[in-house]
Amino acid sequence: APVAEDDVSLAYEGSLLALEMVENEMRAVSDRPASVKIL
């Protein structure tokens, strides 16, 4: 069964949003939040 492009797009966008939340948690505990790049 083919996977709908909309489903893939939703998975990507949802994952990216969740990653941004994790990034915020990481910056909160970093001793160099401004100098460490998070990709």
Full PDB file with SEQRES, HELIX, SHEET, SSBOND, CRYST1, ORIGX, SCALE, CONECT and MASTER records, all heavy atoms in Angstrom:
SEQRES   1 A   39  ALA PRO VAL ALA GLU ASP ASP VAL SER LEU ALA TYR GLU          
SEQRES   2 A   39  GLY SER LEU LEU ALA LEU GLU MET VAL GLU ASN GLU MET          
SEQRES   3 A   39  ARG ALA VAL SER ASP ARG PRO ALA SER VAL LYS ILE LEU          
HELIX    1 AA1 GLU A    5  VAL A   29  1                                  25    
CRYST1    1.000    1.000    1.000  90.00  90.00  90.00 P 1           1          
ORIGX1      1.000000  0.000000  0.000000        0.00000                         
ORIGX2      0.000000  1.000000  0.000000        0.00000                         
ORIGX3      0.000000  0.000000  1.000000        0.00000                         
SCALE1      1.000000  0.000000  0.000000        0.00000                         
SCALE2      0.000000  1.000000  0.000000        0.00000                         
SCALE3      0.000000  0.000000  1.000000        0.00000                         
ATOM      1  N   ALA A   1       0.837  -1.191   0.000  1.00  0.00           N  
ATOM      2  CA  ALA A   1       0.000   0.000   0.000  1.00  0.00           C  
ATOM      3  C   ALA A   1       0.876   1.246   0.000  1.00  0.00           C  
ATOM      4  O   ALA A   1       1.808   1.352   0.788  1.00  0.00           O  
ATOM      5  CB  ALA A   1      -0.904   0.002   1.238  1.00  0.00           C  
ATOM      6  N   PRO A   2       0.612   2.194  -0.893  1.00  0.00           N  
ATOM      7  CA  PRO A   2       1.420   3.423  -0.933  1.00  0.00           C  
ATOM      8  C   PRO A   2       1.159   4.288   0.296  1.00  0.00           C  
ATOM      9  O   PRO A   2       0.071   4.281   0.865  1.00  0.00           O  
ATOM     10  CB  PRO A   2       0.934   4.115  -2.207  1.00  0.00           C  
ATOM     11  CG  PRO A   2      -0.460   3.621  -2.388  1.00  0.00           C  
ATOM     12  CD  PRO A   2      -0.457   2.186  -1.897  1.00  0.00           C  
ATOM     13  N   VAL A   3       2.175   5.028   0.699  1.00  0.00           N  
ATOM     14  CA  VAL A   3       2.043   5.948   1.821  1.00  0.00           C  
ATOM     15  C   VAL A   3       1.722   7.326   1.260  1.00  0.00           C  
ATOM     16  O   VAL A   3       2.440   7.845   0.400  1.00  0.00           O  
ATOM     17  CB  VAL A   3       3.346   6.007   2.640  1.00  0.00           C  
ATOM     18  CG1 VAL A   3       3.210   7.012   3.782  1.00  0.00           C  
ATOM     19  CG2 VAL A   3       3.681   4.621   3.175  1.00  0.00           C  
ATOM     20  N   ALA A   4       0.660   7.908   1.739  1.00  0.00           N  
ATOM     21  CA  ALA A   4       0.236   9.209   1.228  1.00  0.00           C  
ATOM     22  C   ALA A   4       1.275  10.277   1.555  1.00  0.00           C  
ATOM     23  O   ALA A   4       1.858  10.279   2.643  1.00  0.00           O  
ATOM     24  CB  ALA A   4      -1.115   9.587   1.838  1.00  0.00           C  
ATOM     25  N   GLU A   5       1.478  11.187   0.573  1.00  0.00           N  
ATOM     26  CA  GLU A   5       2.441  12.265   0.798  1.00  0.00           C  
ATOM     27  C   GLU A   5       2.034  13.128   1.982  1.00  0.00           C  
ATOM     28  O   GLU A   5       2.883  13.635   2.716  1.00  0.00           O  
ATOM     29  CB  GLU A   5       2.562  13.121  -0.455  1.00  0.00           C  
ATOM     30  CG  GLU A   5       3.268  12.428  -1.606  1.00  0.00           C  
ATOM     31  CD  GLU A   5       3.484  13.367  -2.779  1.00  0.00           C  
ATOM     32  OE1 GLU A   5       3.291  14.586  -2.602  1.00  0.00           O  
ATOM     33  OE2 GLU A   5       3.846  12.873  -3.861  1.00  0.00           O  
ATOM     34  N   ASP A   6       0.736  13.307   2.180  1.00  0.00           N  
ATOM     35  CA  ASP A   6       0.258  14.108   3.304  1.00  0.00           C  
ATOM     36  C   ASP A   6       0.674  13.488   4.632  1.00  0.00           C  
ATOM     37  O   ASP A   6       1.013  14.191   5.580  1.00  0.00           O  
ATOM     38  CB  ASP A   6      -1.264  14.254   3.253  1.00  0.00           C  
ATOM     39  CG  ASP A   6      -1.709  15.207   2.138  1.00  0.00           C  
ATOM     40  OD1 ASP A   6      -0.833  15.908   1.594  1.00  0.00           O  
ATOM     41  OD2 ASP A   6      -2.912  15.235   1.838  1.00  0.00           O  
ATOM     42  N   ASP A   7       0.622  12.145   4.695  1.00  0.00           N  
ATOM     43  CA  ASP A   7       1.003  11.463   5.926  1.00  0.00           C  
ATOM     44  C   ASP A   7       2.486  11.669   6.224  1.00  0.00           C  
ATOM     45  O   ASP A   7       2.883  11.900   7.367  1.00  0.00           O  
ATOM     46  CB  ASP A   7       0.710   9.962   5.813  1.00  0.00           C  
ATOM     47  CG  ASP A   7      -0.787   9.670   5.799  1.00  0.00           C  
ATOM     48  OD1 ASP A   7      -1.549  10.556   6.232  1.00  0.00           O  
ATOM     49  OD2 ASP A   7      -1.167   8.574   5.363  1.00  0.00           O  
ATOM     50  N   VAL A   8       3.311  11.583   5.173  1.00  0.00           N  
ATOM     51  CA  VAL A   8       4.745  11.795   5.344  1.00  0.00           C  
ATOM     52  C   VAL A   8       5.022  13.223   5.794  1.00  0.00           C  
ATOM     53  O   VAL A   8       5.828  13.481   6.683  1.00  0.00           O  
ATOM     54  CB  VAL A   8       5.500  11.488   4.034  1.00  0.00           C  
ATOM     55  CG1 VAL A   8       6.978  11.850   4.167  1.00  0.00           C  
ATOM     56  CG2 VAL A   8       5.342  10.015   3.665  1.00  0.00           C  
ATOM     57  N   SER A   9       4.333  14.167   5.179  1.00  0.00           N  
ATOM     58  CA  SER A   9       4.508  15.573   5.538  1.00  0.00           C  
ATOM     59  C   SER A   9       4.108  15.837   6.976  1.00  0.00           C  
ATOM     60  O   SER A   9       4.798  16.563   7.710  1.00  0.00           O  
ATOM     61  CB  SER A   9       3.685  16.457   4.595  1.00  0.00           C  
ATOM     62  OG  SER A   9       3.813  17.816   4.934  1.00  0.00           O  
ATOM     63  N   LEU A  10       3.004  15.230   7.405  1.00  0.00           N  
ATOM     64  CA  LEU A  10       2.559  15.397   8.786  1.00  0.00           C  
ATOM     65  C   LEU A  10       3.567  14.807   9.764  1.00  0.00           C  
ATOM     66  O   LEU A  10       3.837  15.393  10.820  1.00  0.00           O  
ATOM     67  CB  LEU A  10       1.186  14.747   8.981  1.00  0.00           C  
ATOM     68  CG  LEU A  10      -0.013  15.504   8.417  1.00  0.00           C  
ATOM     69  CD1 LEU A  10      -1.270  14.655   8.520  1.00  0.00           C  
ATOM     70  CD2 LEU A  10      -0.198  16.832   9.156  1.00  0.00           C  
ATOM     71  N   ALA A  11       4.109  13.642   9.404  1.00  0.00           N  
ATOM     72  CA  ALA A  11       5.104  13.012  10.266  1.00  0.00           C  
ATOM     73  C   ALA A  11       6.339  13.890  10.397  1.00  0.00           C  
ATOM     74  O   ALA A  11       6.893  14.065  11.491  1.00  0.00           O  
ATOM     75  CB  ALA A  11       5.486  11.635   9.714  1.00  0.00           C  
ATOM     76  N   TYR A  12       6.747  14.473   9.287  1.00  0.00           N  
ATOM     77  CA  TYR A  12       7.924  15.342   9.300  1.00  0.00           C  
ATOM     78  C   TYR A  12       7.667  16.588  10.150  1.00  0.00           C  
ATOM     79  O   TYR A  12       8.472  16.948  11.021  1.00  0.00           O  
ATOM     80  CB  TYR A  12       8.293  15.747   7.876  1.00  0.00           C  
ATOM     81  CG  TYR A  12       9.452  16.715   7.812  1.00  0.00           C  
ATOM     82  CD1 TYR A  12      10.763  16.256   7.849  1.00  0.00           C  
ATOM     83  CD2 TYR A  12       9.233  18.093   7.736  1.00  0.00           C  
ATOM     84  CE1 TYR A  12      11.834  17.142   7.805  1.00  0.00           C  
ATOM     85  CE2 TYR A  12      10.296  18.978   7.692  1.00  0.00           C  
ATOM     86  CZ  TYR A  12      11.587  18.498   7.736  1.00  0.00           C  
ATOM     87  OH  TYR A  12      12.641  19.382   7.704  1.00  0.00           O  
ATOM     88  N   GLU A  13       6.558  17.251   9.901  1.00  0.00           N  
ATOM     89  CA  GLU A  13       6.262  18.487  10.626  1.00  0.00           C  
ATOM     90  C   GLU A  13       6.067  18.225  12.116  1.00  0.00           C  
ATOM     91  O   GLU A  13       6.526  19.000  12.965  1.00  0.00           O  
ATOM     92  CB  GLU A  13       5.002  19.158  10.037  1.00  0.00           C  
ATOM     93  CG  GLU A  13       5.175  19.656   8.619  1.00  0.00           C  
ATOM     94  CD  GLU A  13       6.237  20.737   8.502  1.00  0.00           C  
ATOM     95  OE1 GLU A  13       6.472  21.445   9.507  1.00  0.00           O  
ATOM     96  OE2 GLU A  13       6.822  20.889   7.415  1.00  0.00           O  
ATOM     97  N   GLY A  14       5.381  17.130  12.421  1.00  0.00           N  
ATOM     98  CA  GLY A  14       5.181  16.792  13.833  1.00  0.00           C  
ATOM     99  C   GLY A  14       6.487  16.482  14.542  1.00  0.00           C  
ATOM    100  O   GLY A  14       6.709  16.895  15.686  1.00  0.00           O  
ATOM    101  N   SER A  15       7.368  15.755  13.850  1.00  0.00           N  
ATOM    102  CA  SER A  15       8.662  15.419  14.432  1.00  0.00           C  
ATOM    103  C   SER A  15       9.507  16.672  14.647  1.00  0.00           C  
ATOM    104  O   SER A  15      10.176  16.819  15.665  1.00  0.00           O  
ATOM    105  CB  SER A  15       9.416  14.435  13.528  1.00  0.00           C  
ATOM    106  OG  SER A  15       8.722  13.214  13.433  1.00  0.00           O  
ATOM    107  N   LEU A  16       9.468  17.574  13.683  1.00  0.00           N  
ATOM    108  CA  LEU A  16      10.257  18.799  13.793  1.00  0.00           C  
ATOM    109  C   LEU A  16       9.780  19.648  14.960  1.00  0.00           C  
ATOM    110  O   LEU A  16      10.587  20.216  15.711  1.00  0.00           O  
ATOM    111  CB  LEU A  16      10.153  19.590  12.487  1.00  0.00           C  
ATOM    112  CG  LEU A  16      11.205  20.674  12.270  1.00  0.00           C  
ATOM    113  CD1 LEU A  16      12.606  20.096  12.281  1.00  0.00           C  
ATOM    114  CD2 LEU A  16      10.948  21.396  10.955  1.00  0.00           C  
ATOM    115  N   LEU A  17       8.462  19.719  15.144  1.00  0.00           N  
ATOM    116  CA  LEU A  17       7.915  20.474  16.263  1.00  0.00           C  
ATOM    117  C   LEU A  17       8.352  19.860  17.595  1.00  0.00           C  
ATOM    118  O   LEU A  17       8.742  20.576  18.532  1.00  0.00           O  
ATOM    119  CB  LEU A  17       6.394  20.509  16.165  1.00  0.00           C  
ATOM    120  CG  LEU A  17       5.656  21.269  17.280  1.00  0.00           C  
ATOM    121  CD1 LEU A  17       6.057  22.737  17.290  1.00  0.00           C  
ATOM    122  CD2 LEU A  17       4.138  21.127  17.104  1.00  0.00           C  
ATOM    123  N   ALA A  18       8.317  18.527  17.675  1.00  0.00           N  
ATOM    124  CA  ALA A  18       8.734  17.852  18.902  1.00  0.00           C  
ATOM    125  C   ALA A  18      10.232  18.044  19.150  1.00  0.00           C  
ATOM    126  O   ALA A  18      10.668  18.207  20.289  1.00  0.00           O  
ATOM    127  CB  ALA A  18       8.403  16.366  18.820  1.00  0.00           C  
ATOM    128  N   LEU A  19      11.031  18.046  18.083  1.00  0.00           N  
ATOM    129  CA  LEU A  19      12.467  18.289  18.225  1.00  0.00           C  
ATOM    130  C   LEU A  19      12.741  19.683  18.765  1.00  0.00           C  
ATOM    131  O   LEU A  19      13.670  19.879  19.576  1.00  0.00           O  
ATOM    132  CB  LEU A  19      13.174  18.108  16.881  1.00  0.00           C  
ATOM    133  CG  LEU A  19      13.369  16.674  16.388  1.00  0.00           C  
ATOM    134  CD1 LEU A  19      13.937  16.678  14.967  1.00  0.00           C  
ATOM    135  CD2 LEU A  19      14.286  15.889  17.320  1.00  0.00           C  
ATOM    136  N   GLU A  20      11.963  20.653  18.350  1.00  0.00           N  
ATOM    137  CA  GLU A  20      12.143  22.012  18.859  1.00  0.00           C  
ATOM    138  C   GLU A  20      11.884  22.067  20.358  1.00  0.00           C  
ATOM    139  O   GLU A  20      12.565  22.803  21.095  1.00  0.00           O  
ATOM    140  CB  GLU A  20      11.199  22.969  18.123  1.00  0.00           C  
ATOM    141  CG  GLU A  20      11.599  23.197  16.669  1.00  0.00           C  
ATOM    142  CD  GLU A  20      10.567  23.998  15.903  1.00  0.00           C  
ATOM    143  OE1 GLU A  20       9.495  24.301  16.487  1.00  0.00           O  
ATOM    144  OE2 GLU A  20      10.812  24.341  14.728  1.00  0.00           O  
ATOM    145  N   MET A  21      10.944  21.277  20.844  1.00  0.00           N  
ATOM    146  CA  MET A  21      10.668  21.231  22.277  1.00  0.00           C  
ATOM    147  C   MET A  21      11.834  20.602  23.027  1.00  0.00           C  
ATOM    148  O   MET A  21      12.218  21.066  24.107  1.00  0.00           O  
ATOM    149  CB  MET A  21       9.367  20.462  22.526  1.00  0.00           C  
ATOM    150  CG  MET A  21       8.130  21.123  21.920  1.00  0.00           C  
ATOM    151  SD  MET A  21       6.635  20.103  22.024  1.00  0.00           S  
ATOM    152  CE  MET A  21       6.379  20.086  23.790  1.00  0.00           C  
ATOM    153  N   VAL A  22      12.405  19.548  22.442  1.00  0.00           N  
ATOM    154  CA  VAL A  22      13.577  18.924  23.065  1.00  0.00           C  
ATOM    155  C   VAL A  22      14.753  19.898  23.058  1.00  0.00           C  
ATOM    156  O   VAL A  22      15.507  20.011  24.035  1.00  0.00           O  
ATOM    157  CB  VAL A  22      13.956  17.616  22.342  1.00  0.00           C  
ATOM    158  CG1 VAL A  22      15.226  17.018  22.949  1.00  0.00           C  
ATOM    159  CG2 VAL A  22      12.813  16.608  22.415  1.00  0.00           C  
ATOM    160  N   GLU A  23      14.918  20.630  21.960  1.00  0.00           N  
ATOM    161  CA  GLU A  23      15.986  21.628  21.879  1.00  0.00           C  
ATOM    162  C   GLU A  23      15.876  22.640  23.020  1.00  0.00           C  
ATOM    163  O   GLU A  23      16.881  23.012  23.649  1.00  0.00           O  
ATOM    164  CB  GLU A  23      15.921  22.349  20.536  1.00  0.00           C  
ATOM    165  CG  GLU A  23      16.974  23.447  20.403  1.00  0.00           C  
ATOM    166  CD  GLU A  23      16.784  24.299  19.158  1.00  0.00           C  
ATOM    167  OE1 GLU A  23      15.778  24.099  18.435  1.00  0.00           O  
ATOM    168  OE2 GLU A  23      17.647  25.161  18.917  1.00  0.00           O  
ATOM    169  N   ASN A  24      14.670  23.098  23.299  1.00  0.00           N  
ATOM    170  CA  ASN A  24      14.479  24.055  24.390  1.00  0.00           C  
ATOM    171  C   ASN A  24      14.916  23.464  25.725  1.00  0.00           C  
ATOM    172  O   ASN A  24      15.516  24.162  26.554  1.00  0.00           O  
ATOM    173  CB  ASN A  24      13.009  24.487  24.456  1.00  0.00           C  
ATOM    174  CG  ASN A  24      12.602  25.345  23.270  1.00  0.00           C  
ATOM    175  OD1 ASN A  24      13.439  25.991  22.640  1.00  0.00           O  
ATOM    176  ND2 ASN A  24      11.315  25.332  22.945  1.00  0.00           N  
ATOM    177  N   GLU A  25      14.608  22.189  25.939  1.00  0.00           N  
ATOM    178  CA  GLU A  25      15.032  21.512  27.174  1.00  0.00           C  
ATOM    179  C   GLU A  25      16.555  21.444  27.249  1.00  0.00           C  
ATOM    180  O   GLU A  25      17.152  21.618  28.310  1.00  0.00           O  
ATOM    181  CB  GLU A  25      14.435  20.102  27.219  1.00  0.00           C  
ATOM    182  CG  GLU A  25      12.935  20.037  27.375  1.00  0.00           C  
ATOM    183  CD  GLU A  25      12.499  20.225  28.819  1.00  0.00           C  
ATOM    184  OE1 GLU A  25      13.359  20.135  29.714  1.00  0.00           O  
ATOM    185  OE2 GLU A  25      11.298  20.444  29.047  1.00  0.00           O  
ATOM    186  N   MET A  26      17.200  21.175  26.116  1.00  0.00           N  
ATOM    187  CA  MET A  26      18.654  21.063  26.083  1.00  0.00           C  
ATOM    188  C   MET A  26      19.317  22.409  26.372  1.00  0.00           C  
ATOM    189  O   MET A  26      20.296  22.493  27.114  1.00  0.00           O  
ATOM    190  CB  MET A  26      19.107  20.515  24.737  1.00  0.00           C  
ATOM    191  CG  MET A  26      18.643  19.094  24.470  1.00  0.00           C  
ATOM    192  SD  MET A  26      18.946  18.557  22.768  1.00  0.00           S  
ATOM    193  CE  MET A  26      20.726  18.325  22.806  1.00  0.00           C  
ATOM    194  N   ARG A  27      18.790  23.469  25.780  1.00  0.00           N  
ATOM    195  CA  ARG A  27      19.379  24.792  26.001  1.00  0.00           C  
ATOM    196  C   ARG A  27      19.227  25.234  27.452  1.00  0.00           C  
ATOM    197  O   ARG A  27      20.056  25.979  27.990  1.00  0.00           O  
ATOM    198  CB  ARG A  27      18.746  25.817  25.062  1.00  0.00           C  
ATOM    199  CG  ARG A  27      19.104  25.579  23.600  1.00  0.00           C  
ATOM    200  CD  ARG A  27      18.911  26.816  22.762  1.00  0.00           C  
ATOM    201  NE  ARG A  27      19.240  26.562  21.350  1.00  0.00           N  
ATOM    202  CZ  ARG A  27      20.475  26.550  20.863  1.00  0.00           C  
ATOM    203  NH1 ARG A  27      21.503  26.779  21.677  1.00  0.00           N  
ATOM    204  NH2 ARG A  27      20.698  26.317  19.580  1.00  0.00           N  
ATOM    205  N   ALA A  28      18.176  24.766  28.111  1.00  0.00           N  
ATOM    206  CA  ALA A  28      17.933  25.152  29.495  1.00  0.00           C  
ATOM    207  C   ALA A  28      18.988  24.592  30.447  1.00  0.00           C  
ATOM    208  O   ALA A  28      19.233  25.165  31.513  1.00  0.00           O  
ATOM    209  CB  ALA A  28      16.538  24.698  29.927  1.00  0.00           C  
ATOM    210  N   VAL A  29      19.627  23.467  30.063  1.00  0.00           N  
ATOM    211  CA  VAL A  29      20.619  22.858  30.956  1.00  0.00           C  
ATOM    212  C   VAL A  29      22.045  23.079  30.474  1.00  0.00           C  
ATOM    213  O   VAL A  29      22.997  22.741  31.174  1.00  0.00           O  
ATOM    214  CB  VAL A  29      20.368  21.339  31.112  1.00  0.00           C  
ATOM    215  CG1 VAL A  29      18.998  21.088  31.706  1.00  0.00           C  
ATOM    216  CG2 VAL A  29      20.516  20.606  29.784  1.00  0.00           C  
ATOM    217  N   SER A  30      22.223  23.652  29.303  1.00  0.00           N  
ATOM    218  CA  SER A  30      23.558  23.869  28.757  1.00  0.00           C  
ATOM    219  C   SER A  30      24.248  25.025  29.471  1.00  0.00           C  
ATOM    220  O   SER A  30      23.616  26.030  29.803  1.00  0.00           O  
ATOM    221  CB  SER A  30      23.475  24.164  27.255  1.00  0.00           C  
ATOM    222  OG  SER A  30      24.747  24.529  26.748  1.00  0.00           O  
ATOM    223  N   ASP A  31      25.561  24.886  29.692  1.00  0.00           N  
ATOM    224  CA  ASP A  31      26.301  25.989  30.289  1.00  0.00           C  
ATOM    225  C   ASP A  31      26.770  26.985  29.220  1.00  0.00           C  
ATOM    226  O   ASP A  31      27.340  28.021  29.534  1.00  0.00           O  
ATOM    227  CB  ASP A  31      27.504  25.485  31.093  1.00  0.00           C  
ATOM    228  CG  ASP A  31      28.516  24.743  30.236  1.00  0.00           C  
ATOM    229  OD1 ASP A  31      28.216  24.467  29.055  1.00  0.00           O  
ATOM    230  OD2 ASP A  31      29.612  24.437  30.752  1.00  0.00           O  
ATOM    231  N   ARG A  32      26.528  26.656  27.932  1.00  0.00           N  
ATOM    232  CA  ARG A  32      26.871  27.560  26.836  1.00  0.00           C  
ATOM    233  C   ARG A  32      25.723  27.584  25.824  1.00  0.00           C  
ATOM    234  O   ARG A  32      25.908  27.249  24.652  1.00  0.00           O  
ATOM    235  CB  ARG A  32      28.158  27.109  26.143  1.00  0.00           C  
ATOM    236  CG  ARG A  32      29.383  27.099  27.029  1.00  0.00           C  
ATOM    237  CD  ARG A  32      30.621  26.774  26.205  1.00  0.00           C  
ATOM    238  NE  ARG A  32      30.547  25.444  25.628  1.00  0.00           N  
ATOM    239  CZ  ARG A  32      30.976  25.138  24.400  1.00  0.00           C  
ATOM    240  NH1 ARG A  32      31.460  26.064  23.612  1.00  0.00           N  
ATOM    241  NH2 ARG A  32      30.909  23.893  23.959  1.00  0.00           N  
ATOM    242  N   PRO A  33      24.519  27.959  26.246  1.00  0.00           N  
ATOM    243  CA  PRO A  33      23.356  27.842  25.355  1.00  0.00           C  
ATOM    244  C   PRO A  33      23.464  28.669  24.082  1.00  0.00           C  
ATOM    245  O   PRO A  33      22.889  28.312  23.053  1.00  0.00           O  
ATOM    246  CB  PRO A  33      22.191  28.333  26.236  1.00  0.00           C  
ATOM    247  CG  PRO A  33      22.838  29.168  27.298  1.00  0.00           C  
ATOM    248  CD  PRO A  33      24.167  28.550  27.543  1.00  0.00           C  
ATOM    249  N   ALA A  34      24.198  29.773  24.126  1.00  0.00           N  
ATOM    250  CA  ALA A  34      24.274  30.629  22.945  1.00  0.00           C  
ATOM    251  C   ALA A  34      25.372  30.212  21.978  1.00  0.00           C  
ATOM    252  O   ALA A  34      25.315  30.527  20.794  1.00  0.00           O  
ATOM    253  CB  ALA A  34      24.498  32.079  23.376  1.00  0.00           C  
ATOM    254  N   SER A  35      26.384  29.490  22.481  1.00  0.00           N  
ATOM    255  CA  SER A  35      27.539  29.187  21.634  1.00  0.00           C  
ATOM    256  C   SER A  35      27.517  27.789  21.034  1.00  0.00           C  
ATOM    257  O   SER A  35      28.302  27.486  20.139  1.00  0.00           O  
ATOM    258  CB  SER A  35      28.835  29.362  22.444  1.00  0.00           C  
ATOM    259  OG  SER A  35      28.848  28.500  23.561  1.00  0.00           O  
ATOM    260  N   VAL A  36      26.654  26.916  21.526  1.00  0.00           N  
ATOM    261  CA  VAL A  36      26.546  25.562  20.981  1.00  0.00           C  
ATOM    262  C   VAL A  36      25.392  25.519  19.986  1.00  0.00           C  
ATOM    263  O   VAL A  36      24.243  25.785  20.338  1.00  0.00           O  
ATOM    264  CB  VAL A  36      26.327  24.514  22.084  1.00  0.00           C  
ATOM    265  CG1 VAL A  36      26.153  23.129  21.478  1.00  0.00           C  
ATOM    266  CG2 VAL A  36      27.499  24.511  23.057  1.00  0.00           C  
ATOM    267  N   LYS A  37      25.712  25.180  18.755  1.00  0.00           N  
ATOM    268  CA  LYS A  37      24.685  25.079  17.719  1.00  0.00           C  
ATOM    269  C   LYS A  37      23.937  23.763  17.873  1.00  0.00           C  
ATOM    270  O   LYS A  37      24.542  22.711  18.085  1.00  0.00           O  
ATOM    271  CB  LYS A  37      25.341  25.151  16.336  1.00  0.00           C  
ATOM    272  CG  LYS A  37      24.371  25.056  15.175  1.00  0.00           C  
ATOM    273  CD  LYS A  37      25.116  25.136  13.852  1.00  0.00           C  
ATOM    274  CE  LYS A  37      24.171  25.021  12.665  1.00  0.00           C  
ATOM    275  NZ  LYS A  37      24.908  25.072  11.376  1.00  0.00           N  
ATOM    276  N   ILE A  38      22.614  23.807  17.791  1.00  0.00           N  
ATOM    277  CA  ILE A  38      21.794  22.590  17.826  1.00  0.00           C  
ATOM    278  C   ILE A  38      21.083  22.466  16.485  1.00  0.00           C  
ATOM    279  O   ILE A  38      20.259  23.301  16.121  1.00  0.00           O  
ATOM    280  CB  ILE A  38      20.789  22.599  18.980  1.00  0.00           C  
ATOM    281  CG1 ILE A  38      21.516  22.708  20.334  1.00  0.00           C  
ATOM    282  CG2 ILE A  38      19.928  21.335  18.944  1.00  0.00           C  
ATOM    283  CD1 ILE A  38      20.599  22.710  21.539  1.00  0.00           C  
ATOM    284  N   LEU A  39      21.432  21.408  15.757  1.00  0.00           N  
ATOM    285  CA  LEU A  39      20.856  21.146  14.443  1.00  0.00           C  
ATOM    286  C   LEU A  39      19.776  20.085  14.580  1.00  0.00           C  
ATOM    287  O   LEU A  39      20.009  19.015  15.160  1.00  0.00           O  
ATOM    288  CB  LEU A  39      21.955  20.664  13.490  1.00  0.00           C  
ATOM    289  CG  LEU A  39      21.549  20.310  12.054  1.00  0.00           C  
ATOM    290  CD1 LEU A  39      21.041  21.555  11.330  1.00  0.00           C  
ATOM    291  CD2 LEU A  39      22.733  19.701  11.315  1.00  0.00           C  
TER     292      LEU A  39                                                      
MASTER        0    0    0    1    0    0    0    6  291    1    0    3          
END                                                                             
